[in-house]
Amino acid sequence: MTHLRFFGPAGEKAGTRVVEIPGDTVGELLEVARSRYGDGFAEVLARSRVWVNGKVAGPATPVHPDDEVAILPPVSGG
């Protein structure tokens, strides 16, 4: 299983900051997370960037059991 880390609003909507999810690609992981955490999470995810081991990733990016996938929503400041 791959470590999926949620930052900011993604973690708030998921109700957790770290979870392990099975999947072979980023897209598979995100589909499991969408179905597990619902519409509010999916809305945040639609505006978020995804990184695998510190590098920007897309849905087709492969993942391995020890990889760390981070969901980074946009940051607002003031």
C-alpha atoms as a PDB file:
ATOM      1  CA  MET A   1       0.000   0.000   0.000  1.00  0.00           C
ATOM      2  CA  THR A   2       1.088   3.552  -0.679  1.00  0.00           C
ATOM      3  CA  HIS A   3       1.171   6.332   1.923  1.00  0.00           C
ATOM      4  CA  LEU A   4      -1.233   9.128   0.992  1.00  0.00           C
ATOM      5  CA  ARG A   5      -0.791  12.396   2.919  1.00  0.00           C
ATOM      6  CA  PHE A   6      -3.471  15.065   2.980  1.00  0.00           C
ATOM      7  CA  PHE A   7      -2.570  18.684   3.682  1.00  0.00           C
ATOM      8  CA  GLY A   8      -4.842  21.601   4.661  1.00  0.00           C
ATOM      9  CA  PRO A   9      -8.462  21.312   3.539  1.00  0.00           C
ATOM     10  CA  ALA A  10      -7.842  17.870   1.993  1.00  0.00           C
ATOM     11  CA  GLY A  11      -7.065  16.471   5.440  1.00  0.00           C
ATOM     12  CA  GLU A  12     -10.016  18.296   6.955  1.00  0.00           C
ATOM     13  CA  LYS A  13     -12.448  16.823   4.405  1.00  0.00           C
ATOM     14  CA  ALA A  14     -10.930  13.341   4.698  1.00  0.00           C
ATOM     15  CA  GLY A  15     -10.895  13.460   8.503  1.00  0.00           C
ATOM     16  CA  THR A  16      -7.312  12.233   8.541  1.00  0.00           C
ATOM     17  CA  ARG A  17      -3.846  13.399   7.518  1.00  0.00           C
ATOM     18  CA  VAL A  18      -2.276  10.078   6.522  1.00  0.00           C
ATOM     19  CA  VAL A  19      -3.753   6.887   5.112  1.00  0.00           C
ATOM     20  CA  GLU A  20      -2.482   3.846   3.247  1.00  0.00           C
ATOM     21  CA  ILE A  21      -4.321   3.073  -0.001  1.00  0.00           C
ATOM     22  CA  PRO A  22      -3.697   0.327  -2.567  1.00  0.00           C
ATOM     23  CA  GLY A  23      -3.124   1.199  -6.200  1.00  0.00           C
ATOM     24  CA  ASP A  24      -0.599   1.100  -9.017  1.00  0.00           C
ATOM     25  CA  THR A  25      -0.989   4.695 -10.235  1.00  0.00           C
ATOM     26  CA  VAL A  26      -1.804   8.082  -8.760  1.00  0.00           C
ATOM     27  CA  GLY A  27      -5.154   7.959 -10.572  1.00  0.00           C
ATOM     28  CA  GLU A  28      -6.079   4.667  -8.898  1.00  0.00           C
ATOM     29  CA  LEU A  29      -5.159   6.018  -5.459  1.00  0.00           C
ATOM     30  CA  LEU A  30      -7.188   9.169  -5.994  1.00  0.00           C
ATOM     31  CA  GLU A  31     -10.224   7.210  -7.193  1.00  0.00           C
ATOM     32  CA  VAL A  32     -10.171   5.125  -4.004  1.00  0.00           C
ATOM     33  CA  ALA A  33      -9.778   8.285  -1.912  1.00  0.00           C
ATOM     34  CA  ARG A  34     -12.674  10.028  -3.729  1.00  0.00           C
ATOM     35  CA  SER A  35     -15.017   7.122  -3.111  1.00  0.00           C
ATOM     36  CA  ARG A  36     -13.861   6.752   0.504  1.00  0.00           C
ATOM     37  CA  TYR A  37     -14.030  10.436   1.530  1.00  0.00           C
ATOM     38  CA  GLY A  38     -16.931  11.771  -0.548  1.00  0.00           C
ATOM     39  CA  ASP A  39     -17.933  14.839  -2.521  1.00  0.00           C
ATOM     40  CA  GLY A  40     -16.380  17.480  -0.231  1.00  0.00           C
ATOM     41  CA  PHE A  41     -13.014  15.785  -0.510  1.00  0.00           C
ATOM     42  CA  ALA A  42     -13.416  15.406  -4.291  1.00  0.00           C
ATOM     43  CA  GLU A  43     -14.042  19.161  -4.604  1.00  0.00           C
ATOM     44  CA  VAL A  44     -10.812  19.949  -2.760  1.00  0.00           C
ATOM     45  CA  LEU A  45      -8.944  17.320  -4.761  1.00  0.00           C
ATOM     46  CA  ALA A  46     -10.077  18.918  -8.044  1.00  0.00           C
ATOM     47  CA  ARG A  47      -8.141  22.090  -7.092  1.00  0.00           C
ATOM     48  CA  SER A  48      -5.122  20.324  -5.594  1.00  0.00           C
ATOM     49  CA  ARG A  49      -1.693  19.320  -6.831  1.00  0.00           C
ATOM     50  CA  VAL A  50      -0.392  15.815  -6.326  1.00  0.00           C
ATOM     51  CA  TRP A  51       3.233  15.000  -5.616  1.00  0.00           C
ATOM     52  CA  VAL A  52       4.950  11.610  -5.457  1.00  0.00           C
ATOM     53  CA  ASN A  53       8.136  11.524  -3.416  1.00  0.00           C
ATOM     54  CA  GLY A  54       8.508  15.297  -3.742  1.00  0.00           C
ATOM     55  CA  LYS A  55       7.872  15.526  -7.505  1.00  0.00           C
ATOM     56  CA  VAL A  56       4.755  16.758  -9.304  1.00  0.00           C
ATOM     57  CA  ALA A  57       2.702  13.798 -10.530  1.00  0.00           C
ATOM     58  CA  GLY A  58      -0.264  13.116 -12.778  1.00  0.00           C
ATOM     59  CA  PRO A  59      -2.899  10.382 -12.843  1.00  0.00           C
ATOM     60  CA  ALA A  60      -0.721   8.010 -14.894  1.00  0.00           C
ATOM     61  CA  THR A  61       2.294   8.323 -12.561  1.00  0.00           C
ATOM     62  CA  PRO A  62       3.122   4.867 -11.187  1.00  0.00           C
ATOM     63  CA  VAL A  63       3.336   4.385  -7.419  1.00  0.00           C
ATOM     64  CA  HIS A  64       5.036   1.715  -5.347  1.00  0.00           C
ATOM     65  CA  PRO A  65       4.373   0.460  -1.824  1.00  0.00           C
ATOM     66  CA  ASP A  66       6.936   2.676  -0.102  1.00  0.00           C
ATOM     67  CA  ASP A  67       6.125   5.850  -2.063  1.00  0.00           C
ATOM     68  CA  GLU A  68       4.658   8.913  -0.406  1.00  0.00           C
ATOM     69  CA  VAL A  69       1.883  10.679  -2.301  1.00  0.00           C
ATOM     70  CA  ALA A  70       0.966  14.178  -1.079  1.00  0.00           C
ATOM     71  CA  ILE A  71      -2.259  16.044  -1.829  1.00  0.00           C
ATOM     72  CA  LEU A  72      -1.528  19.782  -1.694  1.00  0.00           C
ATOM     73  CA  PRO A  73      -4.540  22.119  -1.981  1.00  0.00           C
ATOM     74  CA  PRO A  74      -3.970  25.724  -3.050  1.00  0.00           C
ATOM     75  CA  VAL A  75      -2.768  28.000  -0.279  1.00  0.00           C
ATOM     76  CA  SER A  76      -4.351  31.361   0.340  1.00  0.00           C
ATOM     77  CA  GLY A  77      -2.565  34.077   2.207  1.00  0.00           C
ATOM     78  CA  GLY A  78      -3.155  37.497   3.458  1.00  0.00           C
END
